[in-house]
Amino acid sequence: MEVILLERVNKLGQMGEVVKVRDGYARNFLLKRGKALRATADNRAKYDGMKAELEARNLQAKGEASKVAEKIEDKNIIVIRQASEAGQLFGSVTVRDIVAAFEADSVHLDRPQVQLDAPIKTIGKHTLTVAVHPEVEVEITVTVARSQDEAERINRGEDISTRNEDRDAAAEAIAAAGEFFDPEAQHEDVVEPAPAAEETEK
């Protein structure tokens, strides 16, 4: 189906362009959300008549979006989730979670504005794009961690997986040191070689 875009649509075209798209995408998204008109002769004439109004409305919306963009650009939101030692989440972080995190910070976003290709399923920092307007996009960071303390360590650049391995190695070293310096073990080490040394001298 050919449609006339009433606003810029990412990866599709600019306002006023006639583009060919799948029927389902046109009906269920573009036409339904008022982002396009069917490319008929009547609608082409209709677009020409409403072009100035659409451009003025777009300019106003872009200005408002720019204010929101300034507020959230480079923002780092923290999402706490349970996860395995390997960093795999028991569940996932979705667009709904990200929108909710912004709502808690008094910033309203619509789900389609958050460009997340697939749910986040691992601990760590994840960068994604938010299109606050078809012509205004900003990057944000989502830090997923098991606790606030872990989130702070991730944001400082620490490798959590390496830290866990180091902690395990340190625990083993302490345990080994405990056995080595055990008073009884030391006593046996000192007493047993002494008679052997005397026998050698005789």
C-alpha atoms as a PDB file:
ATOM      1  CA  MET A   1       0.000   0.000   0.000  1.00  0.00           C
ATOM      2  CA  GLU A   2       1.217   3.516  -0.796  1.00  0.00           C
ATOM      3  CA  VAL A   3       0.774   6.170   1.882  1.00  0.00           C
ATOM      4  CA  ILE A   4       1.543   9.868   2.346  1.00  0.00           C
ATOM      5  CA  LEU A   5       3.517  10.456   5.550  1.00  0.00           C
ATOM      6  CA  LEU A   6       2.069  13.166   7.803  1.00  0.00           C
ATOM      7  CA  GLU A   7       5.263  13.239   9.900  1.00  0.00           C
ATOM      8  CA  ARG A   8       8.780  11.879   9.750  1.00  0.00           C
ATOM      9  CA  VAL A   9       8.817   8.139  10.430  1.00  0.00           C
ATOM     10  CA  ASN A  10      12.153   6.595  11.381  1.00  0.00           C
ATOM     11  CA  LYS A  11      13.645   4.363   8.661  1.00  0.00           C
ATOM     12  CA  LEU A  12      10.714   5.152   6.373  1.00  0.00           C
ATOM     13  CA  GLY A  13      10.695   8.776   5.225  1.00  0.00           C
ATOM     14  CA  GLN A  14      10.031  12.463   5.832  1.00  0.00           C
ATOM     15  CA  MET A  15       6.741  14.351   6.120  1.00  0.00           C
ATOM     16  CA  GLY A  16       4.980  14.599   2.756  1.00  0.00           C
ATOM     17  CA  GLU A  17       6.794  11.655   1.161  1.00  0.00           C
ATOM     18  CA  VAL A  18       4.793   8.935  -0.570  1.00  0.00           C
ATOM     19  CA  VAL A  19       6.132   5.533   0.472  1.00  0.00           C
ATOM     20  CA  LYS A  20       5.150   1.943  -0.145  1.00  0.00           C
ATOM     21  CA  VAL A  21       4.619  -0.221   2.945  1.00  0.00           C
ATOM     22  CA  ARG A  22       2.979  -3.501   3.880  1.00  0.00           C
ATOM     23  CA  ASP A  23      -0.792  -3.344   4.181  1.00  0.00           C
ATOM     24  CA  GLY A  24      -0.790  -4.546   7.788  1.00  0.00           C
ATOM     25  CA  TYR A  25       1.823  -1.979   8.871  1.00  0.00           C
ATOM     26  CA  ALA A  26      -0.135   0.781   7.120  1.00  0.00           C
ATOM     27  CA  ARG A  27      -3.512  -0.166   8.605  1.00  0.00           C
ATOM     28  CA  ASN A  28      -2.405  -1.154  12.108  1.00  0.00           C
ATOM     29  CA  PHE A  29       0.212   1.532  12.729  1.00  0.00           C
ATOM     30  CA  LEU A  30       0.556   4.403  10.251  1.00  0.00           C
ATOM     31  CA  LEU A  31      -3.115   5.037   9.453  1.00  0.00           C
ATOM     32  CA  LYS A  32      -4.381   4.070  12.899  1.00  0.00           C
ATOM     33  CA  ARG A  33      -2.027   6.516  14.656  1.00  0.00           C
ATOM     34  CA  GLY A  34      -2.566   9.359  12.233  1.00  0.00           C
ATOM     35  CA  LYS A  35       0.966   9.210  10.884  1.00  0.00           C
ATOM     36  CA  ALA A  36      -0.096   8.766   7.261  1.00  0.00           C
ATOM     37  CA  LEU A  37      -2.922   8.882   4.705  1.00  0.00           C
ATOM     38  CA  ARG A  38      -3.619   6.460   1.905  1.00  0.00           C
ATOM     39  CA  ALA A  39      -1.979   7.839  -1.229  1.00  0.00           C
ATOM     40  CA  THR A  40      -5.172   8.530  -3.192  1.00  0.00           C
ATOM     41  CA  ALA A  41      -5.736  11.523  -5.433  1.00  0.00           C
ATOM     42  CA  ASP A  42      -8.170  13.017  -2.903  1.00  0.00           C
ATOM     43  CA  ASN A  43      -5.728  12.560  -0.027  1.00  0.00           C
ATOM     44  CA  ARG A  44      -2.882  14.124  -2.015  1.00  0.00           C
ATOM     45  CA  ALA A  45      -5.023  17.230  -2.457  1.00  0.00           C
ATOM     46  CA  LYS A  46      -6.024  17.034   1.216  1.00  0.00           C
ATOM     47  CA  TYR A  47      -2.357  16.867   2.272  1.00  0.00           C
ATOM     48  CA  ASP A  48      -1.499  19.915   0.152  1.00  0.00           C
ATOM     49  CA  GLY A  49      -4.239  21.845   1.949  1.00  0.00           C
ATOM     50  CA  MET A  50      -3.098  20.801   5.439  1.00  0.00           C
ATOM     51  CA  LYS A  51       0.670  20.919   4.811  1.00  0.00           C
ATOM     52  CA  ALA A  52       1.215  24.336   6.399  1.00  0.00           C
ATOM     53  CA  GLU A  53      -0.776  23.360   9.489  1.00  0.00           C
ATOM     54  CA  LEU A  54       1.082  20.048   9.820  1.00  0.00           C
ATOM     55  CA  GLU A  55       4.454  21.789   9.555  1.00  0.00           C
ATOM     56  CA  ALA A  56       3.484  24.366  12.198  1.00  0.00           C
ATOM     57  CA  ARG A  57       2.213  21.641  14.512  1.00  0.00           C
ATOM     58  CA  ASN A  58       5.348  19.598  13.939  1.00  0.00           C
ATOM     59  CA  LEU A  59       7.563  22.589  14.738  1.00  0.00           C
ATOM     60  CA  GLN A  60       5.731  23.181  18.023  1.00  0.00           C
ATOM     61  CA  ALA A  61       5.898  19.497  18.974  1.00  0.00           C
ATOM     62  CA  LYS A  62       9.593  19.414  18.114  1.00  0.00           C
ATOM     63  CA  GLY A  63      10.253  22.393  20.390  1.00  0.00           C
ATOM     64  CA  GLU A  64       8.457  20.719  23.306  1.00  0.00           C
ATOM     65  CA  ALA A  65      10.270  17.458  22.605  1.00  0.00           C
ATOM     66  CA  SER A  66      13.622  19.235  22.676  1.00  0.00           C
ATOM     67  CA  LYS A  67      12.922  20.352  26.266  1.00  0.00           C
ATOM     68  CA  VAL A  68      12.200  16.750  27.268  1.00  0.00           C
ATOM     69  CA  ALA A  69      15.322  15.632  25.395  1.00  0.00           C
ATOM     70  CA  GLU A  70      17.486  18.041  27.387  1.00  0.00           C
ATOM     71  CA  LYS A  71      16.071  16.611  30.593  1.00  0.00           C
ATOM     72  CA  ILE A  72      16.711  12.956  29.776  1.00  0.00           C
ATOM     73  CA  GLU A  73      19.753  13.038  27.464  1.00  0.00           C
ATOM     74  CA  ASP A  74      22.601  10.868  28.829  1.00  0.00           C
ATOM     75  CA  LYS A  75      20.390   9.969  31.786  1.00  0.00           C
ATOM     76  CA  ASN A  76      21.280   6.769  33.603  1.00  0.00           C
ATOM     77  CA  ILE A  77      18.329   4.953  35.134  1.00  0.00           C
ATOM     78  CA  ILE A  78      18.883   2.064  37.537  1.00  0.00           C
ATOM     79  CA  VAL A  79      16.705  -1.045  37.529  1.00  0.00           C
ATOM     80  CA  ILE A  80      17.150  -3.579  40.336  1.00  0.00           C
ATOM     81  CA  ARG A  81      16.529  -7.220  39.428  1.00  0.00           C
ATOM     82  CA  GLN A  82      17.339 -10.655  40.796  1.00  0.00           C
ATOM     83  CA  ALA A  83      19.957 -12.487  38.755  1.00  0.00           C
ATOM     84  CA  SER A  84      22.224 -15.521  38.779  1.00  0.00           C
ATOM     85  CA  GLU A  85      25.912 -15.386  39.713  1.00  0.00           C
ATOM     86  CA  ALA A  86      26.667 -15.382  35.970  1.00  0.00           C
ATOM     87  CA  GLY A  87      24.618 -12.180  35.586  1.00  0.00           C
ATOM     88  CA  GLN A  88      21.590 -13.680  33.818  1.00  0.00           C
ATOM     89  CA  LEU A  89      18.343 -12.066  34.992  1.00  0.00           C
ATOM     90  CA  PHE A  90      15.524 -14.137  36.444  1.00  0.00           C
ATOM     91  CA  GLY A  91      13.139 -12.461  34.000  1.00  0.00           C
ATOM     92  CA  SER A  92      13.933  -9.363  31.927  1.00  0.00           C
ATOM     93  CA  VAL A  93      13.780  -5.566  31.760  1.00  0.00           C
ATOM     94  CA  THR A  94      11.258  -4.342  29.187  1.00  0.00           C
ATOM     95  CA  VAL A  95      10.137  -1.037  27.675  1.00  0.00           C
ATOM     96  CA  ARG A  96       7.384  -0.932  30.306  1.00  0.00           C
ATOM     97  CA  ASP A  97      10.007  -1.006  33.114  1.00  0.00           C
ATOM     98  CA  ILE A  98      11.995   1.804  31.498  1.00  0.00           C
ATOM     99  CA  VAL A  99       8.899   3.970  30.992  1.00  0.00           C
ATOM    100  CA  ALA A 100       7.914   3.323  34.638  1.00  0.00           C
ATOM    101  CA  ALA A 101      11.381   4.375  35.824  1.00  0.00           C
ATOM    102  CA  PHE A 102      11.019   7.680  33.965  1.00  0.00           C
ATOM    103  CA  GLU A 103       7.490   8.163  35.327  1.00  0.00           C
ATOM    104  CA  ALA A 104       8.939   7.844  38.838  1.00  0.00           C
ATOM    105  CA  ASP A 105      11.243  10.737  37.882  1.00  0.00           C
ATOM    106  CA  SER A 106       8.256  12.794  36.611  1.00  0.00           C
ATOM    107  CA  VAL A 107       9.104  12.283  32.928  1.00  0.00           C
ATOM    108  CA  HIS A 108       6.324  10.927  30.726  1.00  0.00           C
ATOM    109  CA  LEU A 109       7.288   8.770  27.740  1.00  0.00           C
ATOM    110  CA  ASP A 110       5.166   6.643  25.440  1.00  0.00           C
ATOM    111  CA  ARG A 111       6.318   3.067  24.952  1.00  0.00           C
ATOM    112  CA  PRO A 112       6.892   3.414  21.173  1.00  0.00           C
ATOM    113  CA  GLN A 113       9.375   6.209  21.918  1.00  0.00           C
ATOM    114  CA  VAL A 114      11.734   3.805  23.725  1.00  0.00           C
ATOM    115  CA  GLN A 115      13.692   1.938  21.068  1.00  0.00           C
ATOM    116  CA  LEU A 116      14.529  -1.390  22.656  1.00  0.00           C
ATOM    117  CA  ASP A 117      14.913  -4.188  20.109  1.00  0.00           C
ATOM    118  CA  ALA A 118      14.747  -7.001  22.671  1.00  0.00           C
ATOM    119  CA  PRO A 119      14.192  -7.221  26.458  1.00  0.00           C
ATOM    120  CA  ILE A 120      17.328  -6.791  28.576  1.00  0.00           C
ATOM    121  CA  LYS A 121      18.301 -10.108  30.191  1.00  0.00           C
ATOM    122  CA  THR A 122      21.726  -9.454  31.704  1.00  0.00           C
ATOM    123  CA  ILE A 123      23.297  -7.425  34.513  1.00  0.00           C
ATOM    124  CA  GLY A 124      25.260  -4.389  33.329  1.00  0.00           C
ATOM    125  CA  LYS A 125      25.001  -1.067  31.477  1.00  0.00           C
ATOM    126  CA  HIS A 126      22.836  -0.923  28.380  1.00  0.00           C
ATOM    127  CA  THR A 127      22.623   2.063  26.013  1.00  0.00           C
ATOM    128  CA  LEU A 128      19.456   2.679  24.031  1.00  0.00           C
ATOM    129  CA  THR A 129      17.747   5.419  22.046  1.00  0.00           C
ATOM    130  CA  VAL A 130      14.624   7.356  22.997  1.00  0.00           C
ATOM    131  CA  ALA A 131      12.805   9.150  20.178  1.00  0.00           C
ATOM    132  CA  VAL A 132      10.971  11.903  22.052  1.00  0.00           C
ATOM    133  CA  HIS A 133       9.908  13.215  18.615  1.00  0.00           C
ATOM    134  CA  PRO A 134      10.364  11.813  15.089  1.00  0.00           C
ATOM    135  CA  GLU A 135      13.162  14.351  14.615  1.00  0.00           C
ATOM    136  CA  VAL A 136      14.564  14.396  18.161  1.00  0.00           C
ATOM    137  CA  GLU A 137      16.405  11.360  19.509  1.00  0.00           C
ATOM    138  CA  VAL A 138      18.619  11.003  22.582  1.00  0.00           C
ATOM    139  CA  GLU A 139      20.631   8.205  24.132  1.00  0.00           C
ATOM    140  CA  ILE A 140      20.085   6.991  27.671  1.00  0.00           C
ATOM    141  CA  THR A 141      21.719   4.327  29.804  1.00  0.00           C
ATOM    142  CA  VAL A 142      19.926   1.608  31.726  1.00  0.00           C
ATOM    143  CA  THR A 143      21.997   0.062  34.507  1.00  0.00           C
ATOM    144  CA  VAL A 144      20.615  -3.303  35.584  1.00  0.00           C
ATOM    145  CA  ALA A 145      21.941  -4.654  38.884  1.00  0.00           C
ATOM    146  CA  ARG A 146      21.071  -6.908  41.822  1.00  0.00           C
ATOM    147  CA  SER A 147      21.398  -4.058  44.325  1.00  0.00           C
ATOM    148  CA  GLN A 148      21.975  -0.314  44.498  1.00  0.00           C
ATOM    149  CA  ASP A 149      25.548  -0.970  45.660  1.00  0.00           C
ATOM    150  CA  GLU A 150      26.223  -3.217  42.666  1.00  0.00           C
ATOM    151  CA  ALA A 151      24.708  -0.605  40.331  1.00  0.00           C
ATOM    152  CA  GLU A 152      27.119   1.999  41.711  1.00  0.00           C
ATOM    153  CA  ARG A 153      30.066  -0.376  41.174  1.00  0.00           C
ATOM    154  CA  ILE A 154      28.945  -1.050  37.585  1.00  0.00           C
ATOM    155  CA  ASN A 155      28.661   2.697  36.941  1.00  0.00           C
ATOM    156  CA  ARG A 156      32.180   3.185  38.308  1.00  0.00           C
ATOM    157  CA  GLY A 157      33.354   0.786  35.620  1.00  0.00           C
ATOM    158  CA  GLU A 158      34.041  -2.239  37.808  1.00  0.00           C
ATOM    159  CA  ASP A 159      33.722  -5.674  36.208  1.00  0.00           C
ATOM    160  CA  ILE A 160      31.219  -7.399  38.462  1.00  0.00           C
ATOM    161  CA  SER A 161      31.869 -10.894  37.071  1.00  0.00           C
ATOM    162  CA  THR A 162      35.626 -10.506  37.621  1.00  0.00           C
ATOM    163  CA  ARG A 163      34.958  -9.100  41.085  1.00  0.00           C
ATOM    164  CA  ASN A 164      32.963 -12.201  42.023  1.00  0.00           C
ATOM    165  CA  GLU A 165      35.747 -14.478  40.757  1.00  0.00           C
ATOM    166  CA  ASP A 166      38.365 -12.461  42.682  1.00  0.00           C
ATOM    167  CA  ARG A 167      36.218 -12.650  45.805  1.00  0.00           C
ATOM    168  CA  ASP A 168      35.985 -16.449  45.469  1.00  0.00           C
ATOM    169  CA  ALA A 169      39.743 -16.714  44.905  1.00  0.00           C
ATOM    170  CA  ALA A 170      40.395 -14.494  47.940  1.00  0.00           C
ATOM    171  CA  ALA A 171      38.127 -16.665  50.083  1.00  0.00           C
ATOM    172  CA  GLU A 172      40.032 -19.787  48.980  1.00  0.00           C
ATOM    173  CA  ALA A 173      43.357 -18.102  49.713  1.00  0.00           C
ATOM    174  CA  ILE A 174      42.201 -17.114  53.197  1.00  0.00           C
ATOM    175  CA  ALA A 175      41.002 -20.653  53.874  1.00  0.00           C
ATOM    176  CA  ALA A 176      44.326 -22.109  52.669  1.00  0.00           C
ATOM    177  CA  ALA A 177      46.243 -19.601  54.790  1.00  0.00           C
ATOM    178  CA  GLY A 178      44.140 -20.574  57.793  1.00  0.00           C
ATOM    179  CA  GLU A 179      45.115 -24.210  57.375  1.00  0.00           C
ATOM    180  CA  PHE A 180      48.793 -23.332  56.831  1.00  0.00           C
ATOM    181  CA  PHE A 181      48.975 -21.228  59.966  1.00  0.00           C
ATOM    182  CA  ASP A 182      46.908 -23.599  62.091  1.00  0.00           C
ATOM    183  CA  PRO A 183      48.848 -24.025  65.431  1.00  0.00           C
ATOM    184  CA  GLU A 184      48.360 -27.808  65.497  1.00  0.00           C
ATOM    185  CA  ALA A 185      49.493 -28.238  61.904  1.00  0.00           C
ATOM    186  CA  GLN A 186      52.560 -26.090  62.597  1.00  0.00           C
ATOM    187  CA  HIS A 187      53.381 -28.085  65.724  1.00  0.00           C
ATOM    188  CA  GLU A 188      53.320 -31.359  63.764  1.00  0.00           C
ATOM    189  CA  ASP A 189      55.550 -29.889  61.041  1.00  0.00           C
ATOM    190  CA  VAL A 190      58.177 -28.795  63.583  1.00  0.00           C
ATOM    191  CA  VAL A 191      58.165 -31.896  65.802  1.00  0.00           C
ATOM    192  CA  GLU A 192      58.297 -34.583  63.100  1.00  0.00           C
ATOM    193  CA  PRO A 193      61.404 -33.462  61.169  1.00  0.00           C
ATOM    194  CA  ALA A 194      63.503 -33.046  64.393  1.00  0.00           C
ATOM    195  CA  PRO A 195      64.013 -36.779  65.173  1.00  0.00           C
ATOM    196  CA  ALA A 196      64.804 -37.443  61.514  1.00  0.00           C
ATOM    197  CA  ALA A 197      67.564 -34.803  61.644  1.00  0.00           C
ATOM    198  CA  GLU A 198      69.071 -36.376  64.806  1.00  0.00           C
ATOM    199  CA  GLU A 199      69.151 -39.846  63.228  1.00  0.00           C
ATOM    200  CA  THR A 200      71.025 -38.448  60.237  1.00  0.00           C
ATOM    201  CA  GLU A 201      73.706 -36.923  62.480  1.00  0.00           C
ATOM    202  CA  LYS A 202      74.243 -40.277  64.285  1.00  0.00           C
END
